[in-house]
Amino acid sequence: MSPLERFSKWIQLKIYQFEVTYSVYMLTPMEKFFIYSLLFLLTSLTSIAVFLYLPRHVSFIINRAWFYAHGDSQLDSAHTLFKSAAVQSAGLAAAAADTLANTFAHTAASAATIVREL
């Protein structure tokens, strides 16, 4: 038996189990159409919601957990790290790091503005 035939038999078995478990086999064809349409609608809306909104929600929860654990946002922590690296450096490297820190500060401010607008 080919893998496609085995998969087809497995799908038929699952459909049969669903119909017997939830008594769909006793319904008229119109009632079955309504039940299957409702099941398809709920499944598709749930999957769309998971794919569209779950990643954004998970990142929001992670950012909240970071805020509660560390007391400031990730952007502020990274900005502080760049500032301390600029202070510890000497000469031209310090100027370059300070420029990088200022660039990062402007980028962080822009990112924060974009996040607030979203």
PDB file of N, CA and C in Angstrom:
ATOM      1  N   MET A   1       0.850  -1.173   0.000  1.00  0.00           N
ATOM      2  CA  MET A   1       0.000   0.000   0.000  1.00  0.00           C
ATOM      3  C   MET A   1       0.898   1.239   0.000  1.00  0.00           C
ATOM      4  N   SER A   2       0.624   2.163  -0.887  1.00  0.00           N
ATOM      5  CA  SER A   2       1.461   3.354  -1.011  1.00  0.00           C
ATOM      6  C   SER A   2       1.174   4.333   0.138  1.00  0.00           C
ATOM      7  N   PRO A   3       2.115   5.231   0.401  1.00  0.00           N
ATOM      8  CA  PRO A   3       1.895   6.215   1.471  1.00  0.00           C
ATOM      9  C   PRO A   3       0.655   7.082   1.237  1.00  0.00           C
ATOM     10  N   LEU A   4       0.356   7.383  -0.011  1.00  0.00           N
ATOM     11  CA  LEU A   4      -0.827   8.191  -0.316  1.00  0.00           C
ATOM     12  C   LEU A   4      -2.107   7.434   0.039  1.00  0.00           C
ATOM     13  N   GLU A   5      -2.135   6.138  -0.259  1.00  0.00           N
ATOM     14  CA  GLU A   5      -3.301   5.319   0.085  1.00  0.00           C
ATOM     15  C   GLU A   5      -3.447   5.184   1.594  1.00  0.00           C
ATOM     16  N   ARG A   6      -2.323   4.998   2.288  1.00  0.00           N
ATOM     17  CA  ARG A   6      -2.389   4.918   3.752  1.00  0.00           C
ATOM     18  C   ARG A   6      -2.897   6.219   4.356  1.00  0.00           C
ATOM     19  N   PHE A   7      -2.424   7.343   3.815  1.00  0.00           N
ATOM     20  CA  PHE A   7      -2.878   8.646   4.305  1.00  0.00           C
ATOM     21  C   PHE A   7      -4.373   8.832   4.033  1.00  0.00           C
ATOM     22  N   SER A   8      -4.822   8.396   2.847  1.00  0.00           N
ATOM     23  CA  SER A   8      -6.238   8.491   2.501  1.00  0.00           C
ATOM     24  C   SER A   8      -7.090   7.648   3.452  1.00  0.00           C
ATOM     25  N   LYS A   9      -6.644   6.446   3.740  1.00  0.00           N
ATOM     26  CA  LYS A   9      -7.363   5.577   4.679  1.00  0.00           C
ATOM     27  C   LYS A   9      -7.394   6.190   6.080  1.00  0.00           C
ATOM     28  N   TRP A  10      -6.296   6.803   6.487  1.00  0.00           N
ATOM     29  CA  TRP A  10      -6.226   7.434   7.807  1.00  0.00           C
ATOM     30  C   TRP A  10      -7.210   8.606   7.897  1.00  0.00           C
ATOM     31  N   ILE A  11      -7.280   9.408   6.823  1.00  0.00           N
ATOM     32  CA  ILE A  11      -8.224  10.534   6.790  1.00  0.00           C
ATOM     33  C   ILE A  11      -9.660  10.017   6.850  1.00  0.00           C
ATOM     34  N   GLN A  12      -9.955   8.961   6.088  1.00  0.00           N
ATOM     35  CA  GLN A  12     -11.299   8.387   6.118  1.00  0.00           C
ATOM     36  C   GLN A  12     -11.642   7.873   7.511  1.00  0.00           C
ATOM     37  N   LEU A  13     -10.678   7.263   8.179  1.00  0.00           N
ATOM     38  CA  LEU A  13     -10.899   6.776   9.531  1.00  0.00           C
ATOM     39  C   LEU A  13     -11.189   7.927  10.489  1.00  0.00           C
ATOM     40  N   LYS A  14     -10.436   9.019  10.373  1.00  0.00           N
ATOM     41  CA  LYS A  14     -10.651  10.173  11.253  1.00  0.00           C
ATOM     42  C   LYS A  14     -12.016  10.813  11.010  1.00  0.00           C
ATOM     43  N   ILE A  15     -12.435  10.887   9.741  1.00  0.00           N
ATOM     44  CA  ILE A  15     -13.764  11.428   9.433  1.00  0.00           C
ATOM     45  C   ILE A  15     -14.839  10.528  10.029  1.00  0.00           C
ATOM     46  N   TYR A  16     -14.672   9.220   9.889  1.00  0.00           N
ATOM     47  CA  TYR A  16     -15.624   8.274  10.463  1.00  0.00           C
ATOM     48  C   TYR A  16     -15.674   8.403  11.987  1.00  0.00           C
ATOM     49  N   GLN A  17     -14.516   8.485  12.630  1.00  0.00           N
ATOM     50  CA  GLN A  17     -14.488   8.637  14.085  1.00  0.00           C
ATOM     51  C   GLN A  17     -15.177   9.926  14.521  1.00  0.00           C
ATOM     52  N   PHE A  18     -14.963  11.015  13.784  1.00  0.00           N
ATOM     53  CA  PHE A  18     -15.612  12.283  14.113  1.00  0.00           C
ATOM     54  C   PHE A  18     -17.131  12.162  13.992  1.00  0.00           C
ATOM     55  N   GLU A  19     -17.595  11.560  12.889  1.00  0.00           N
ATOM     56  CA  GLU A  19     -19.033  11.433  12.681  1.00  0.00           C
ATOM     57  C   GLU A  19     -19.685  10.555  13.739  1.00  0.00           C
ATOM     58  N   VAL A  20     -19.026   9.477  14.129  1.00  0.00           N
ATOM     59  CA  VAL A  20     -19.596   8.581  15.129  1.00  0.00           C
ATOM     60  C   VAL A  20     -19.531   9.206  16.524  1.00  0.00           C
ATOM     61  N   THR A  21     -18.437   9.873  16.847  1.00  0.00           N
ATOM     62  CA  THR A  21     -18.282  10.457  18.177  1.00  0.00           C
ATOM     63  C   THR A  21     -19.290  11.571  18.421  1.00  0.00           C
ATOM     64  N   TYR A  22     -19.489  12.429  17.441  1.00  0.00           N
ATOM     65  CA  TYR A  22     -20.368  13.586  17.620  1.00  0.00           C
ATOM     66  C   TYR A  22     -21.732  13.398  16.954  1.00  0.00           C
ATOM     67  N   SER A  23     -22.079  12.194  16.588  1.00  0.00           N
ATOM     68  CA  SER A  23     -23.383  11.833  16.023  1.00  0.00           C
ATOM     69  C   SER A  23     -23.742  12.615  14.772  1.00  0.00           C
ATOM     70  N   VAL A  24     -22.770  12.982  13.992  1.00  0.00           N
ATOM     71  CA  VAL A  24     -23.024  13.698  12.745  1.00  0.00           C
ATOM     72  C   VAL A  24     -23.613  12.748  11.707  1.00  0.00           C
ATOM     73  N   TYR A  25     -23.362  11.465  11.835  1.00  0.00           N
ATOM     74  CA  TYR A  25     -23.846  10.498  10.850  1.00  0.00           C
ATOM     75  C   TYR A  25     -25.367  10.408  10.843  1.00  0.00           C
ATOM     76  N   MET A  26     -26.046  10.849  11.913  1.00  0.00           N
ATOM     77  CA  MET A  26     -27.505  10.785  11.985  1.00  0.00           C
ATOM     78  C   MET A  26     -28.174  11.996  11.334  1.00  0.00           C
ATOM     79  N   LEU A  27     -27.426  13.021  10.993  1.00  0.00           N
ATOM     80  CA  LEU A  27     -28.002  14.248  10.462  1.00  0.00           C
ATOM     81  C   LEU A  27     -28.301  14.130   8.974  1.00  0.00           C
ATOM     82  N   THR A  28     -29.186  14.999   8.517  1.00  0.00           N
ATOM     83  CA  THR A  28     -29.487  15.054   7.085  1.00  0.00           C
ATOM     84  C   THR A  28     -28.311  15.706   6.361  1.00  0.00           C
ATOM     85  N   PRO A  29     -28.229  15.565   5.046  1.00  0.00           N
ATOM     86  CA  PRO A  29     -27.114  16.188   4.316  1.00  0.00           C
ATOM     87  C   PRO A  29     -27.038  17.708   4.505  1.00  0.00           C
ATOM     88  N   MET A  30     -28.193  18.375   4.586  1.00  0.00           N
ATOM     89  CA  MET A  30     -28.179  19.824   4.789  1.00  0.00           C
ATOM     90  C   MET A  30     -27.634  20.165   6.177  1.00  0.00           C
ATOM     91  N   GLU A  31     -28.004  19.414   7.188  1.00  0.00           N
ATOM     92  CA  GLU A  31     -27.491  19.644   8.541  1.00  0.00           C
ATOM     93  C   GLU A  31     -25.993  19.354   8.610  1.00  0.00           C
ATOM     94  N   LYS A  32     -25.560  18.299   7.919  1.00  0.00           N
ATOM     95  CA  LYS A  32     -24.126  17.997   7.861  1.00  0.00           C
ATOM     96  C   LYS A  32     -23.363  19.141   7.212  1.00  0.00           C
ATOM     97  N   PHE A  33     -23.916  19.675   6.119  1.00  0.00           N
ATOM     98  CA  PHE A  33     -23.279  20.807   5.446  1.00  0.00           C
ATOM     99  C   PHE A  33     -23.149  21.986   6.403  1.00  0.00           C
ATOM    100  N   PHE A  34     -24.189  22.261   7.164  1.00  0.00           N
ATOM    101  CA  PHE A  34     -24.149  23.366   8.124  1.00  0.00           C
ATOM    102  C   PHE A  34     -23.097  23.119   9.208  1.00  0.00           C
ATOM    103  N   ILE A  35     -23.058  21.915   9.759  1.00  0.00           N
ATOM    104  CA  ILE A  35     -22.089  21.579  10.818  1.00  0.00           C
ATOM    105  C   ILE A  35     -20.666  21.664  10.286  1.00  0.00           C
ATOM    106  N   TYR A  36     -20.424  21.092   9.110  1.00  0.00           N
ATOM    107  CA  TYR A  36     -19.075  21.128   8.544  1.00  0.00           C
ATOM    108  C   TYR A  36     -18.667  22.541   8.142  1.00  0.00           C
ATOM    109  N   SER A  37     -19.612  23.345   7.667  1.00  0.00           N
ATOM    110  CA  SER A  37     -19.306  24.747   7.346  1.00  0.00           C
ATOM    111  C   SER A  37     -18.928  25.517   8.597  1.00  0.00           C
ATOM    112  N   LEU A  38     -19.673  25.303   9.663  1.00  0.00           N
ATOM    113  CA  LEU A  38     -19.371  25.961  10.934  1.00  0.00           C
ATOM    114  C   LEU A  38     -18.010  25.516  11.467  1.00  0.00           C
ATOM    115  N   LEU A  39     -17.716  24.228  11.374  1.00  0.00           N
ATOM    116  CA  LEU A  39     -16.421  23.717  11.813  1.00  0.00           C
ATOM    117  C   LEU A  39     -15.287  24.316  10.983  1.00  0.00           C
ATOM    118  N   PHE A  40     -15.470  24.386   9.667  1.00  0.00           N
ATOM    119  CA  PHE A  40     -14.459  24.987   8.797  1.00  0.00           C
ATOM    120  C   PHE A  40     -14.259  26.459   9.123  1.00  0.00           C
ATOM    121  N   LEU A  41     -15.346  27.187   9.339  1.00  0.00           N
ATOM    122  CA  LEU A  41     -15.261  28.612   9.652  1.00  0.00           C
ATOM    123  C   LEU A  41     -14.497  28.842  10.953  1.00  0.00           C
ATOM    124  N   LEU A  42     -14.833  28.097  11.991  1.00  0.00           N
ATOM    125  CA  LEU A  42     -14.143  28.265  13.275  1.00  0.00           C
ATOM    126  C   LEU A  42     -12.672  27.886  13.184  1.00  0.00           C
ATOM    127  N   THR A  43     -12.381  26.801  12.480  1.00  0.00           N
ATOM    128  CA  THR A  43     -10.992  26.369  12.332  1.00  0.00           C
ATOM    129  C   THR A  43     -10.177  27.378  11.535  1.00  0.00           C
ATOM    130  N   SER A  44     -10.741  27.877  10.447  1.00  0.00           N
ATOM    131  CA  SER A  44      -9.989  28.829   9.626  1.00  0.00           C
ATOM    132  C   SER A  44      -9.793  30.158  10.345  1.00  0.00           C
ATOM    133  N   LEU A  45     -10.803  30.656  11.047  1.00  0.00           N
ATOM    134  CA  LEU A  45     -10.645  31.912  11.783  1.00  0.00           C
ATOM    135  C   LEU A  45      -9.628  31.770  12.913  1.00  0.00           C
ATOM    136  N   THR A  46      -9.641  30.633  13.582  1.00  0.00           N
ATOM    137  CA  THR A  46      -8.667  30.407  14.652  1.00  0.00           C
ATOM    138  C   THR A  46      -7.254  30.325  14.096  1.00  0.00           C
ATOM    139  N   SER A  47      -7.074  29.618  12.986  1.00  0.00           N
ATOM    140  CA  SER A  47      -5.723  29.512  12.417  1.00  0.00           C
ATOM    141  C   SER A  47      -5.234  30.860  11.891  1.00  0.00           C
ATOM    142  N   ILE A  48      -6.115  31.651  11.293  1.00  0.00           N
ATOM    143  CA  ILE A  48      -5.720  32.989  10.834  1.00  0.00           C
ATOM    144  C   ILE A  48      -5.308  33.849  12.019  1.00  0.00           C
ATOM    145  N   ALA A  49      -6.082  33.792  13.092  1.00  0.00           N
ATOM    146  CA  ALA A  49      -5.750  34.578  14.277  1.00  0.00           C
ATOM    147  C   ALA A  49      -4.413  34.147  14.868  1.00  0.00           C
ATOM    148  N   VAL A  50      -4.155  32.854  14.883  1.00  0.00           N
ATOM    149  CA  VAL A  50      -2.887  32.359  15.430  1.00  0.00           C
ATOM    150  C   VAL A  50      -1.715  32.835  14.584  1.00  0.00           C
ATOM    151  N   PHE A  51      -1.828  32.741  13.278  1.00  0.00           N
ATOM    152  CA  PHE A  51      -0.713  33.129  12.408  1.00  0.00           C
ATOM    153  C   PHE A  51      -0.500  34.635  12.360  1.00  0.00           C
ATOM    154  N   LEU A  52      -1.566  35.414  12.447  1.00  0.00           N
ATOM    155  CA  LEU A  52      -1.422  36.860  12.338  1.00  0.00           C
ATOM    156  C   LEU A  52      -1.086  37.540  13.661  1.00  0.00           C
ATOM    157  N   TYR A  53      -1.763  37.138  14.731  1.00  0.00           N
ATOM    158  CA  TYR A  53      -1.676  37.907  15.967  1.00  0.00           C
ATOM    159  C   TYR A  53      -0.830  37.266  17.058  1.00  0.00           C
ATOM    160  N   LEU A  54      -0.626  35.960  17.016  1.00  0.00           N
ATOM    161  CA  LEU A  54       0.136  35.313  18.084  1.00  0.00           C
ATOM    162  C   LEU A  54       1.591  35.759  18.144  1.00  0.00           C
ATOM    163  N   PRO A  55       2.326  35.892  17.028  1.00  0.00           N
ATOM    164  CA  PRO A  55       3.718  36.347  17.144  1.00  0.00           C
ATOM    165  C   PRO A  55       3.834  37.736  17.776  1.00  0.00           C
ATOM    166  N   ARG A  56       2.950  38.657  17.384  1.00  0.00           N
ATOM    167  CA  ARG A  56       2.979  39.998  17.958  1.00  0.00           C
ATOM    168  C   ARG A  56       2.639  39.950  19.452  1.00  0.00           C
ATOM    169  N   HIS A  57       1.668  39.109  19.815  1.00  0.00           N
ATOM    170  CA  HIS A  57       1.274  38.997  21.212  1.00  0.00           C
ATOM    171  C   HIS A  57       2.394  38.385  22.053  1.00  0.00           C
ATOM    172  N   VAL A  58       3.065  37.380  21.521  1.00  0.00           N
ATOM    173  CA  VAL A  58       4.177  36.756  22.247  1.00  0.00           C
ATOM    174  C   VAL A  58       5.306  37.754  22.454  1.00  0.00           C
ATOM    175  N   SER A  59       5.636  38.541  21.427  1.00  0.00           N
ATOM    176  CA  SER A  59       6.694  39.543  21.605  1.00  0.00           C
ATOM    177  C   SER A  59       6.273  40.603  22.610  1.00  0.00           C
ATOM    178  N   PHE A  60       5.004  40.976  22.632  1.00  0.00           N
ATOM    179  CA  PHE A  60       4.510  41.934  23.622  1.00  0.00           C
ATOM    180  C   PHE A  60       4.655  41.373  25.033  1.00  0.00           C
ATOM    181  N   ILE A  61       4.296  40.112  25.223  1.00  0.00           N
ATOM    182  CA  ILE A  61       4.414  39.473  26.537  1.00  0.00           C
ATOM    183  C   ILE A  61       5.877  39.383  26.956  1.00  0.00           C
ATOM    184  N   ILE A  62       6.770  39.054  26.030  1.00  0.00           N
ATOM    185  CA  ILE A  62       8.198  38.979  26.350  1.00  0.00           C
ATOM    186  C   ILE A  62       8.724  40.346  26.752  1.00  0.00           C
ATOM    187  N   ASN A  63       8.321  41.394  26.027  1.00  0.00           N
ATOM    188  CA  ASN A  63       8.747  42.747  26.393  1.00  0.00           C
ATOM    189  C   ASN A  63       8.216  43.153  27.759  1.00  0.00           C
ATOM    190  N   ARG A  64       6.981  42.785  28.074  1.00  0.00           N
ATOM    191  CA  ARG A  64       6.423  43.083  29.399  1.00  0.00           C
ATOM    192  C   ARG A  64       7.207  42.335  30.477  1.00  0.00           C
ATOM    193  N   ALA A  65       7.535  41.071  30.228  1.00  0.00           N
ATOM    194  CA  ALA A  65       8.301  40.297  31.209  1.00  0.00           C
ATOM    195  C   ALA A  65       9.676  40.919  31.415  1.00  0.00           C
ATOM    196  N   TRP A  66      10.308  41.374  30.328  1.00  0.00           N
ATOM    197  CA  TRP A  66      11.601  42.050  30.434  1.00  0.00           C
ATOM    198  C   TRP A  66      11.467  43.310  31.284  1.00  0.00           C
ATOM    199  N   PHE A  67      10.421  44.068  31.046  1.00  0.00           N
ATOM    200  CA  PHE A  67      10.196  45.306  31.791  1.00  0.00           C
ATOM    201  C   PHE A  67       9.994  45.010  33.273  1.00  0.00           C
ATOM    202  N   TYR A  68       9.191  43.997  33.595  1.00  0.00           N
ATOM    203  CA  TYR A  68       8.939  43.666  34.992  1.00  0.00           C
ATOM    204  C   TYR A  68      10.188  43.118  35.673  1.00  0.00           C
ATOM    205  N   ALA A  69      11.022  42.404  34.926  1.00  0.00           N
ATOM    206  CA  ALA A  69      12.220  41.806  35.517  1.00  0.00           C
ATOM    207  C   ALA A  69      13.344  42.819  35.686  1.00  0.00           C
ATOM    208  N   HIS A  70      13.500  43.736  34.721  1.00  0.00           N
ATOM    209  CA  HIS A  70      14.651  44.632  34.724  1.00  0.00           C
ATOM    210  C   HIS A  70      14.308  46.087  35.005  1.00  0.00           C
ATOM    211  N   GLY A  71      13.049  46.446  34.973  1.00  0.00           N
ATOM    212  CA  GLY A  71      12.652  47.791  35.343  1.00  0.00           C
ATOM    213  C   GLY A  71      12.805  48.829  34.261  1.00  0.00           C
ATOM    214  N   ASP A  72      13.314  48.489  33.116  1.00  0.00           N
ATOM    215  CA  ASP A  72      13.389  49.428  32.005  1.00  0.00           C
ATOM    216  C   ASP A  72      13.289  48.646  30.704  1.00  0.00           C
ATOM    217  N   SER A  73      13.146  49.354  29.631  1.00  0.00           N
ATOM    218  CA  SER A  73      12.966  48.670  28.355  1.00  0.00           C
ATOM    219  C   SER A  73      14.301  48.156  27.822  1.00  0.00           C
ATOM    220  N   GLN A  74      14.239  47.308  26.834  1.00  0.00           N
ATOM    221  CA  GLN A  74      15.448  46.750  26.231  1.00  0.00           C
ATOM    222  C   GLN A  74      16.257  47.836  25.540  1.00  0.00           C
ATOM    223  N   LEU A  75      15.585  48.808  24.953  1.00  0.00           N
ATOM    224  CA  LEU A  75      16.296  49.876  24.250  1.00  0.00           C
ATOM    225  C   LEU A  75      17.117  50.718  25.223  1.00  0.00           C
ATOM    226  N   ASP A  76      16.548  51.014  26.403  1.00  0.00           N
ATOM    227  CA  ASP A  76      17.287  51.795  27.391  1.00  0.00           C
ATOM    228  C   ASP A  76      18.501  51.027  27.910  1.00  0.00           C
ATOM    229  N   SER A  77      18.353  49.719  28.110  1.00  0.00           N
ATOM    230  CA  SER A  77      19.478  48.910  28.581  1.00  0.00           C
ATOM    231  C   SER A  77      20.598  48.879  27.550  1.00  0.00           C
ATOM    232  N   ALA A  78      20.249  48.715  26.291  1.00  0.00           N
ATOM    233  CA  ALA A  78      21.266  48.698  25.239  1.00  0.00           C
ATOM    234  C   ALA A  78      21.923  50.067  25.107  1.00  0.00           C
ATOM    235  N   HIS A  79      21.147  51.132  25.257  1.00  0.00           N
ATOM    236  CA  HIS A  79      21.701  52.489  25.184  1.00  0.00           C
ATOM    237  C   HIS A  79      22.688  52.710  26.334  1.00  0.00           C
ATOM    238  N   THR A  80      22.344  52.247  27.538  1.00  0.00           N
ATOM    239  CA  THR A  80      23.248  52.366  28.683  1.00  0.00           C
ATOM    240  C   THR A  80      24.526  51.576  28.446  1.00  0.00           C
ATOM    241  N   LEU A  81      24.405  50.410  27.848  1.00  0.00           N
ATOM    242  CA  LEU A  81      25.574  49.588  27.543  1.00  0.00           C
ATOM    243  C   LEU A  81      26.498  50.306  26.568  1.00  0.00           C
ATOM    244  N   PHE A  82      25.934  50.897  25.523  1.00  0.00           N
ATOM    245  CA  PHE A  82      26.756  51.640  24.565  1.00  0.00           C
ATOM    246  C   PHE A  82      27.402  52.863  25.214  1.00  0.00           C
ATOM    247  N   LYS A  83      26.681  53.549  26.093  1.00  0.00           N
ATOM    248  CA  LYS A  83      27.247  54.724  26.764  1.00  0.00           C
ATOM    249  C   LYS A  83      28.421  54.315  27.656  1.00  0.00           C
ATOM    250  N   SER A  84      28.279  53.226  28.406  1.00  0.00           N
ATOM    251  CA  SER A  84      29.368  52.791  29.278  1.00  0.00           C
ATOM    252  C   SER A  84      30.574  52.344  28.456  1.00  0.00           C
ATOM    253  N   ALA A  85      30.336  51.730  27.301  1.00  0.00           N
ATOM    254  CA  ALA A  85      31.444  51.349  26.425  1.00  0.00           C
ATOM    255  C   ALA A  85      32.147  52.586  25.893  1.00  0.00           C
ATOM    256  N   ALA A  86      31.392  53.648  25.633  1.00  0.00           N
ATOM    257  CA  ALA A  86      31.990  54.889  25.135  1.00  0.00           C
ATOM    258  C   ALA A  86      32.845  55.553  26.204  1.00  0.00           C
ATOM    259  N   VAL A  87      32.405  55.495  27.462  1.00  0.00           N
ATOM    260  CA  VAL A  87      33.164  56.121  28.551  1.00  0.00           C
ATOM    261  C   VAL A  87      34.461  55.364  28.799  1.00  0.00           C
ATOM    262  N   GLN A  88      34.446  54.048  28.707  1.00  0.00           N
ATOM    263  CA  GLN A  88      35.623  53.243  29.007  1.00  0.00           C
ATOM    264  C   GLN A  88      36.640  53.259  27.870  1.00  0.00           C
ATOM    265  N   SER A  89      36.229  53.586  26.690  1.00  0.00           N
ATOM    266  CA  SER A  89      37.156  53.636  25.559  1.00  0.00           C
ATOM    267  C   SER A  89      37.983  54.908  25.620  1.00  0.00           C
ATOM    268  N   ALA A  90      39.065  54.936  24.868  1.00  0.00           N
ATOM    269  CA  ALA A  90      39.933  56.122  24.868  1.00  0.00           C
ATOM    270  C   ALA A  90      40.172  56.592  23.442  1.00  0.00           C
ATOM    271  N   GLY A  91      40.402  57.906  23.290  1.00  0.00           N
ATOM    272  CA  GLY A  91      40.822  58.488  22.011  1.00  0.00           C
ATOM    273  C   GLY A  91      39.781  58.377  20.930  1.00  0.00           C
ATOM    274  N   LEU A  92      40.231  57.988  19.759  1.00  0.00           N
ATOM    275  CA  LEU A  92      39.375  57.916  18.586  1.00  0.00           C
ATOM    276  C   LEU A  92      38.304  56.845  18.749  1.00  0.00           C
ATOM    277  N   ALA A  93      38.670  55.751  19.406  1.00  0.00           N
ATOM    278  CA  ALA A  93      37.693  54.691  19.643  1.00  0.00           C
ATOM    279  C   ALA A  93      36.551  55.208  20.504  1.00  0.00           C
ATOM    280  N   ALA A  94      36.872  56.074  21.482  1.00  0.00           N
ATOM    281  CA  ALA A  94      35.832  56.646  22.338  1.00  0.00           C
ATOM    282  C   ALA A  94      34.916  57.552  21.532  1.00  0.00           C
ATOM    283  N   ALA A  95      35.490  58.339  20.637  1.00  0.00           N
ATOM    284  CA  ALA A  95      34.671  59.221  19.802  1.00  0.00           C
ATOM    285  C   ALA A  95      33.770  58.402  18.877  1.00  0.00           C
ATOM    286  N   ALA A  96      34.322  57.338  18.319  1.00  0.00           N
ATOM    287  CA  ALA A  96      33.523  56.493  17.431  1.00  0.00           C
ATOM    288  C   ALA A  96      32.404  55.802  18.208  1.00  0.00           C
ATOM    289  N   ALA A  97      32.719  55.322  19.411  1.00  0.00           N
ATOM    290  CA  ALA A  97      31.702  54.667  20.231  1.00  0.00           C
ATOM    291  C   ALA A  97      30.633  55.663  20.657  1.00  0.00           C
ATOM    292  N   ASP A  98      31.050  56.906  20.974  1.00  0.00           N
ATOM    293  CA  ASP A  98      30.082  57.931  21.354  1.00  0.00           C
ATOM    294  C   ASP A  98      29.166  58.254  20.177  1.00  0.00           C
ATOM    295  N   THR A  99      29.759  58.344  18.994  1.00  0.00           N
ATOM    296  CA  THR A  99      28.947  58.576  17.799  1.00  0.00           C
ATOM    297  C   THR A  99      27.975  57.425  17.590  1.00  0.00           C
ATOM    298  N   LEU A 100      28.467  56.195  17.802  1.00  0.00           N
ATOM    299  CA  LEU A 100      27.606  55.030  17.683  1.00  0.00           C
ATOM    300  C   LEU A 100      26.498  55.069  18.727  1.00  0.00           C
ATOM    301  N   ALA A 101      26.849  55.469  19.959  1.00  0.00           N
ATOM    302  CA  ALA A 101      25.842  55.555  21.017  1.00  0.00           C
ATOM    303  C   ALA A 101      24.800  56.611  20.688  1.00  0.00           C
ATOM    304  N   ASN A 102      25.244  57.748  20.153  1.00  0.00           N
ATOM    305  CA  ASN A 102      24.285  58.787  19.769  1.00  0.00           C
ATOM    306  C   ASN A 102      23.392  58.316  18.624  1.00  0.00           C
ATOM    307  N   THR A 103      23.998  57.624  17.667  1.00  0.00           N
ATOM    308  CA  THR A 103      23.206  57.082  16.566  1.00  0.00           C
ATOM    309  C   THR A 103      22.194  56.081  17.088  1.00  0.00           C
ATOM    310  N   PHE A 104      22.644  55.245  18.012  1.00  0.00           N
ATOM    311  CA  PHE A 104      21.730  54.271  18.597  1.00  0.00           C
ATOM    312  C   PHE A 104      20.635  54.966  19.397  1.00  0.00           C
ATOM    313  N   ALA A 105      20.969  56.032  20.090  1.00  0.00           N
ATOM    314  CA  ALA A 105      19.961  56.766  20.860  1.00  0.00           C
ATOM    315  C   ALA A 105      18.890  57.327  19.934  1.00  0.00           C
ATOM    316  N   HIS A 106      19.310  57.889  18.807  1.00  0.00           N
ATOM    317  CA  HIS A 106      18.332  58.412  17.851  1.00  0.00           C
ATOM    318  C   HIS A 106      17.503  57.279  17.249  1.00  0.00           C
ATOM    319  N   THR A 107      18.163  56.154  16.971  1.00  0.00           N
ATOM    320  CA  THR A 107      17.444  55.003  16.436  1.00  0.00           C
ATOM    321  C   THR A 107      16.460  54.461  17.462  1.00  0.00           C
ATOM    322  N   ALA A 108      16.886  54.404  18.725  1.00  0.00           N
ATOM    323  CA  ALA A 108      16.005  53.922  19.786  1.00  0.00           C
ATOM    324  C   ALA A 108      14.818  54.855  19.961  1.00  0.00           C
ATOM    325  N   ALA A 109      15.051  56.145  19.895  1.00  0.00           N
ATOM    326  CA  ALA A 109      13.951  57.102  20.014  1.00  0.00           C
ATOM    327  C   ALA A 109      12.976  56.946  18.851  1.00  0.00           C
ATOM    328  N   SER A 110      13.511  56.753  17.654  1.00  0.00           N
ATOM    329  CA  SER A 110      12.643  56.550  16.486  1.00  0.00           C
ATOM    330  C   SER A 110      11.849  55.258  16.621  1.00  0.00           C
ATOM    331  N   ALA A 111      12.514  54.207  17.086  1.00  0.00           N
ATOM    332  CA  ALA A 111      11.827  52.927  17.265  1.00  0.00           C
ATOM    333  C   ALA A 111      10.745  53.051  18.327  1.00  0.00           C
ATOM    334  N   ALA A 112      11.034  53.757  19.415  1.00  0.00           N
ATOM    335  CA  ALA A 112      10.032  53.942  20.464  1.00  0.00           C
ATOM    336  C   ALA A 112       8.837  54.728  19.937  1.00  0.00           C
ATOM    337  N   THR A 113       9.094  55.724  19.101  1.00  0.00           N
ATOM    338  CA  THR A 113       8.003  56.500  18.508  1.00  0.00           C
ATOM    339  C   THR A 113       7.149  55.623  17.601  1.00  0.00           C
ATOM    340  N   ILE A 114       7.798  54.793  16.813  1.00  0.00           N
ATOM    341  CA  ILE A 114       7.060  53.900  15.917  1.00  0.00           C
ATOM    342  C   ILE A 114       6.232  52.914  16.723  1.00  0.00           C
ATOM    343  N   VAL A 115       6.801  52.370  17.807  1.00  0.00           N
ATOM    344  CA  VAL A 115       6.078  51.413  18.640  1.00  0.00           C
ATOM    345  C   VAL A 115       4.869  52.084  19.277  1.00  0.00           C
ATOM    346  N   ARG A 116       5.031  53.326  19.752  1.00  0.00           N
ATOM    347  CA  ARG A 116       3.910  54.038  20.343  1.00  0.00           C
ATOM    348  C   ARG A 116       2.810  54.292  19.322  1.00  0.00           C
ATOM    349  N   GLU A 117       3.191  54.569  18.085  1.00  0.00           N
ATOM    350  CA  GLU A 117       2.196  54.843  17.058  1.00  0.00           C
ATOM    351  C   GLU A 117       1.454  53.587  16.628  1.00  0.00           C
ATOM    352  N   LEU A 118       2.091  52.430  16.771  1.00  0.00           N
ATOM    353  CA  LEU A 118       1.416  51.192  16.404  1.00  0.00           C
ATOM    354  C   LEU A 118       0.426  50.852  17.469  1.00  0.00           C
TER     355      LEU A 118
END
